[in-house]
N, C-alpha and C. Protein backbone atom coordinates (compact mmCIF):
# COMPACT_ATOMS: atom_id res chain seq x y z
N MET A 1 0.78 -1.44 0.11
CA MET A 1 -0.18 -0.18 -0.01
C MET A 1 1.07 1.01 0.33
N THR A 2 2.12 1.06 0.81
CA THR A 2 2.93 2.24 0.69
C THR A 2 3.28 2.61 -0.29
N MET A 3 3.62 1.67 -0.83
CA MET A 3 4.76 2.09 -2.62
C MET A 3 3.20 2.81 -3.54
N TYR A 4 2.21 2.52 -3.57
CA TYR A 4 0.85 3.15 -4.20
C TYR A 4 0.93 4.64 -3.81
N ILE A 5 0.81 4.91 -2.50
CA ILE A 5 0.97 6.12 -2.24
C ILE A 5 2.17 6.53 -2.65
N ASP A 6 3.15 6.27 -2.38
CA ASP A 6 5.00 7.23 -2.72
C ASP A 6 4.44 7.10 -4.21
N LEU A 7 4.14 6.47 -5.33
CA LEU A 7 3.71 6.62 -6.05
C LEU A 7 2.96 7.70 -6.77
N ALA A 8 1.64 8.09 -6.08
CA ALA A 8 0.64 8.67 -6.22
C ALA A 8 1.54 10.05 -5.87
N ILE A 9 2.25 10.37 -5.10
CA ILE A 9 2.75 11.60 -4.54
C ILE A 9 3.87 12.03 -5.56
N ILE A 10 4.75 11.40 -5.97
CA ILE A 10 5.74 11.39 -7.13
C ILE A 10 4.85 11.61 -8.53
N VAL A 11 4.00 11.34 -8.55
CA VAL A 11 2.76 12.07 -9.97
C VAL A 11 2.27 12.98 -10.07
N ALA A 12 1.53 13.52 -8.62
CA ALA A 12 1.34 14.16 -8.12
C ALA A 12 2.74 15.82 -8.51
N LYS A 13 3.83 15.51 -7.75
CA LYS A 13 4.21 16.68 -7.57
C LYS A 13 5.17 16.72 -8.80
N THR A 14 4.77 15.85 -9.77
CA THR A 14 5.80 15.85 -11.29
C THR A 14 4.33 16.76 -11.86
N ALA A 15 3.18 16.71 -11.78
CA ALA A 15 2.63 17.16 -12.47
C ALA A 15 2.47 18.33 -12.00
N ILE A 16 2.20 19.12 -10.73
CA ILE A 16 2.60 20.20 -9.95
C ILE A 16 3.85 20.79 -10.74
N LEU A 17 4.80 20.53 -10.58
CA LEU A 17 6.27 20.52 -11.00
C LEU A 17 6.21 21.62 -12.89
N VAL A 18 5.41 20.31 -13.67
CA VAL A 18 5.52 20.90 -15.16
C VAL A 18 4.60 22.19 -15.22
N LEU A 19 2.99 21.59 -14.53
CA LEU A 19 2.23 22.71 -14.77
C LEU A 19 2.57 23.80 -14.13
N GLY A 20 3.25 24.12 -12.68
CA GLY A 20 3.21 25.12 -12.04
C GLY A 20 4.64 26.14 -12.77
N GLY A 21 5.77 25.50 -13.43
CA GLY A 21 6.80 25.73 -13.75
C GLY A 21 6.25 26.32 -15.14
N SER A 22 5.06 25.71 -16.10
CA SER A 22 5.13 26.38 -17.14
C SER A 22 4.23 27.68 -16.69
N ILE A 23 3.36 27.69 -15.38
CA ILE A 23 2.48 29.34 -15.33
C ILE A 23 3.92 30.09 -15.26
N THR A 24 5.02 29.57 -13.99
CA THR A 24 6.06 30.79 -13.72
C THR A 24 6.37 31.19 -15.05
N TYR A 25 6.78 30.56 -16.23
CA TYR A 25 7.50 30.43 -17.27
C TYR A 25 6.76 31.78 -18.30
N TYR A 26 5.53 31.37 -18.04
CA TYR A 26 4.73 31.98 -19.21
C TYR A 26 4.51 33.66 -18.26
N ALA A 27 4.59 33.73 -17.22
CA ALA A 27 3.86 34.80 -16.27
C ALA A 27 5.07 36.10 -16.79
N LEU A 28 6.24 34.73 -16.72
CA LEU A 28 7.79 36.08 -16.38
C LEU A 28 7.68 36.58 -17.76
N ARG A 29 7.50 35.60 -18.78
CA ARG A 29 7.89 35.95 -20.31
C ARG A 29 7.14 37.28 -20.45
N ALA A 30 5.60 37.38 -20.21
CA ALA A 30 4.79 38.21 -20.16
C ALA A 30 5.44 39.74 -19.66
N TYR A 31 5.77 38.86 -18.24
CA TYR A 31 6.79 40.72 -17.71
C TYR A 31 7.10 41.16 -18.49
N GLY A 32 8.37 40.24 -19.14
CA GLY A 32 9.32 40.91 -19.77
C GLY A 32 9.42 41.42 -21.15
N ARG A 33 7.84 40.99 -21.33
CA ARG A 33 7.75 41.20 -22.61
C ARG A 33 6.17 43.33 -22.28
N THR A 34 5.90 43.06 -21.32
CA THR A 34 5.09 44.00 -20.40
C THR A 34 5.57 45.26 -19.83
N GLY A 35 7.11 44.48 -18.57
CA GLY A 35 6.86 45.62 -17.90
C GLY A 35 6.11 45.74 -16.78
N ASP A 36 5.11 44.58 -16.84
CA ASP A 36 3.78 45.07 -15.96
C ASP A 36 4.39 44.31 -14.47
N PRO A 37 4.76 45.05 -13.59
CA PRO A 37 4.85 44.27 -12.02
C PRO A 37 4.09 43.44 -11.64
N SER A 38 2.80 43.55 -11.56
CA SER A 38 2.03 41.99 -11.02
C SER A 38 2.05 41.17 -12.12
N LEU A 39 2.63 40.73 -13.25
CA LEU A 39 2.84 39.62 -13.99
C LEU A 39 4.26 39.62 -13.13
N ARG A 40 5.00 39.70 -13.31
CA ARG A 40 6.21 39.91 -12.34
C ARG A 40 6.05 38.73 -10.81
N ALA A 41 5.08 39.67 -9.94
CA ALA A 41 4.70 39.33 -8.72
C ALA A 41 4.09 37.94 -9.29
N LEU A 42 3.03 37.84 -9.99
CA LEU A 42 2.52 36.50 -10.34
C LEU A 42 3.44 35.38 -10.72
N GLY A 43 4.15 35.07 -11.06
CA GLY A 43 5.70 34.45 -11.96
C GLY A 43 6.01 34.05 -10.81
N ILE A 44 6.80 34.80 -9.71
CA ILE A 44 7.48 34.66 -8.29
C ILE A 44 5.96 33.64 -7.86
N GLY A 45 4.76 34.34 -7.53
CA GLY A 45 4.08 33.85 -6.79
C GLY A 45 3.95 32.52 -6.92
N PHE A 46 3.74 32.02 -8.20
CA PHE A 46 3.55 30.30 -8.43
C PHE A 46 4.78 29.61 -8.52
N GLY A 47 6.06 30.44 -8.95
CA GLY A 47 7.33 29.83 -8.90
C GLY A 47 7.57 29.75 -7.19
N THR A 48 7.06 29.89 -6.54
CA THR A 48 7.24 30.00 -4.90
C THR A 48 6.44 28.45 -4.59
N VAL A 49 5.14 28.84 -5.35
CA VAL A 49 4.39 27.19 -4.69
C VAL A 49 4.90 26.29 -5.74
N THR A 50 5.45 26.69 -6.48
CA THR A 50 5.70 25.57 -7.53
C THR A 50 6.80 24.50 -6.80
N VAL A 51 7.92 25.79 -6.05
CA VAL A 51 9.12 24.82 -5.61
C VAL A 51 8.69 24.38 -4.17
N GLY A 52 7.64 25.40 -2.88
CA GLY A 52 7.49 24.64 -2.21
C GLY A 52 6.97 22.62 -2.29
N ALA A 53 6.00 22.76 -3.83
CA ALA A 53 5.88 21.62 -4.07
C ALA A 53 7.09 20.17 -4.32
N LEU A 54 7.95 21.27 -4.89
CA LEU A 54 9.06 20.47 -5.16
C LEU A 54 10.09 20.15 -4.15
N ILE A 55 10.63 21.11 -3.41
CA ILE A 55 11.00 20.55 -2.26
C ILE A 55 10.47 19.97 -0.93
N GLY A 56 9.30 20.06 -0.89
CA GLY A 56 7.81 19.26 0.04
C GLY A 56 8.39 18.06 -0.48
N GLY A 57 8.34 17.51 -1.67
CA GLY A 57 8.49 15.85 -2.39
C GLY A 57 9.82 15.29 -2.13
N VAL A 58 10.64 16.54 -2.08
CA VAL A 58 12.35 15.81 -2.27
C VAL A 58 12.27 15.20 -1.26
N SER A 59 12.27 16.37 -0.03
CA SER A 59 12.26 15.95 1.36
C SER A 59 12.09 14.43 1.91
N HIS A 60 10.91 14.51 1.31
CA HIS A 60 10.39 13.05 1.46
C HIS A 60 10.74 11.91 0.66
N GLN A 61 11.10 11.77 -0.62
CA GLN A 61 10.92 10.50 -1.29
C GLN A 61 12.54 10.72 -1.48
N VAL A 62 13.78 11.77 -1.28
CA VAL A 62 14.76 11.73 -1.72
C VAL A 62 15.79 11.47 -0.54
N ILE A 63 15.34 12.85 0.70
CA ILE A 63 16.21 12.88 1.51
C ILE A 63 16.03 11.64 2.62
N GLY A 64 14.38 11.50 2.22
CA GLY A 64 13.97 10.42 3.58
C GLY A 64 12.68 10.94 4.67
N ALA A 65 13.23 12.68 4.73
CA ALA A 65 12.30 12.94 6.00
C ALA A 65 11.25 12.76 6.25
N ASP A 66 10.66 12.79 7.10
CA ASP A 66 9.57 12.73 7.53
C ASP A 66 8.58 13.29 6.92
N LEU A 67 7.51 12.54 6.11
CA LEU A 67 6.21 13.24 5.57
C LEU A 67 5.82 14.23 6.08
N ALA A 68 5.94 14.44 7.84
CA ALA A 68 4.85 15.61 8.27
C ALA A 68 5.96 16.84 7.91
N VAL A 69 7.22 16.46 7.48
CA VAL A 69 8.13 17.46 7.23
C VAL A 69 7.91 17.97 5.96
N GLY A 70 8.02 17.05 5.07
CA GLY A 70 7.84 17.66 3.91
C GLY A 70 6.27 18.25 3.50
N ILE A 71 5.35 18.26 4.42
CA ILE A 71 3.93 18.26 4.14
C ILE A 71 3.88 20.24 4.67
N ALA A 72 4.74 20.39 6.53
CA ALA A 72 5.13 21.26 6.52
C ALA A 72 5.62 22.21 5.45
N ILE A 73 6.58 21.74 4.94
CA ILE A 73 7.47 23.05 4.12
C ILE A 73 6.53 23.27 2.07
N ASN A 74 6.61 22.06 2.42
CA ASN A 74 5.10 22.53 0.72
C ASN A 74 4.29 23.71 1.60
N SER A 75 3.71 23.13 2.93
CA SER A 75 2.45 24.35 3.29
C SER A 75 2.86 25.86 3.25
N LEU A 76 3.90 25.65 4.23
CA LEU A 76 4.73 27.19 4.45
C LEU A 76 4.96 27.76 2.95
N LEU A 77 5.44 27.19 1.99
CA LEU A 77 5.97 27.96 0.72
C LEU A 77 4.72 27.95 -0.07
N THR A 78 3.48 27.50 0.04
CA THR A 78 1.98 27.62 -0.59
C THR A 78 1.45 28.71 -0.17
N ALA A 79 1.38 28.74 1.55
CA ALA A 79 1.16 30.11 2.00
C ALA A 79 1.79 31.62 0.97
N VAL A 80 3.00 31.17 1.45
CA VAL A 80 3.46 32.46 0.86
C VAL A 80 3.56 32.67 -0.57
N GLY A 81 3.66 31.47 -1.35
CA GLY A 81 3.48 31.84 -2.45
C GLY A 81 2.22 32.52 -3.40
N PHE A 82 0.72 32.17 -2.26
CA PHE A 82 -0.15 32.49 -2.17
C PHE A 82 -0.39 34.18 -2.13
N GLY A 83 0.27 34.16 -1.03
CA GLY A 83 0.23 35.63 -0.90
C GLY A 83 1.02 36.82 -1.62
N VAL A 84 1.49 36.08 -2.10
CA VAL A 84 2.64 36.69 -3.53
C VAL A 84 1.51 37.15 -4.30
N ILE A 85 1.22 35.93 -4.98
CA ILE A 85 -0.27 36.08 -5.91
C ILE A 85 -1.47 36.65 -5.90
N VAL A 86 -1.89 36.91 -4.70
CA VAL A 86 -2.81 38.00 -4.06
C VAL A 86 -2.17 39.13 -4.20
N TYR A 87 -0.88 39.21 -3.84
CA TYR A 87 -0.30 40.96 -3.81
C TYR A 87 -0.22 41.32 -5.54
N SER A 88 0.10 40.08 -6.47
CA SER A 88 -0.13 40.65 -7.38
C SER A 88 -1.29 41.00 -8.25
N LEU A 89 -2.39 40.97 -7.51
CA LEU A 89 -3.90 41.19 -7.89
C LEU A 89 -3.98 42.67 -7.93
N TYR A 90 -3.29 43.37 -6.32
CA TYR A 90 -3.49 44.47 -6.11
C TYR A 90 -2.41 45.47 -6.64
N VAL A 91 -1.16 45.03 -7.28
CA VAL A 91 -0.47 45.61 -7.60
C VAL A 91 -0.66 46.47 -9.24
N GLU A 92 -0.41 47.93 -9.09
CA GLU A 92 -0.62 48.68 -10.67
C GLU A 92 0.20 48.55 -11.34
């Protein structure tokens, strides 16, 4: 059963990395074209969420840290990233 849970975590984290990385790339690319600070903040926010998922997964799957540590890292960086995304909605 643990093997299936580990596989599900790996699949989910890979999807988050690919999709979050894509959103980050396109937001920062749009920032480069327009110079709009809200797009920069949006890219940074999604990048933070994506990196949080990556570090959380790597800490558990590769380093062997307790699952709770991976969840805590992921949750903290997700909260920070969402805060930056909310900020991006208010930047003019």
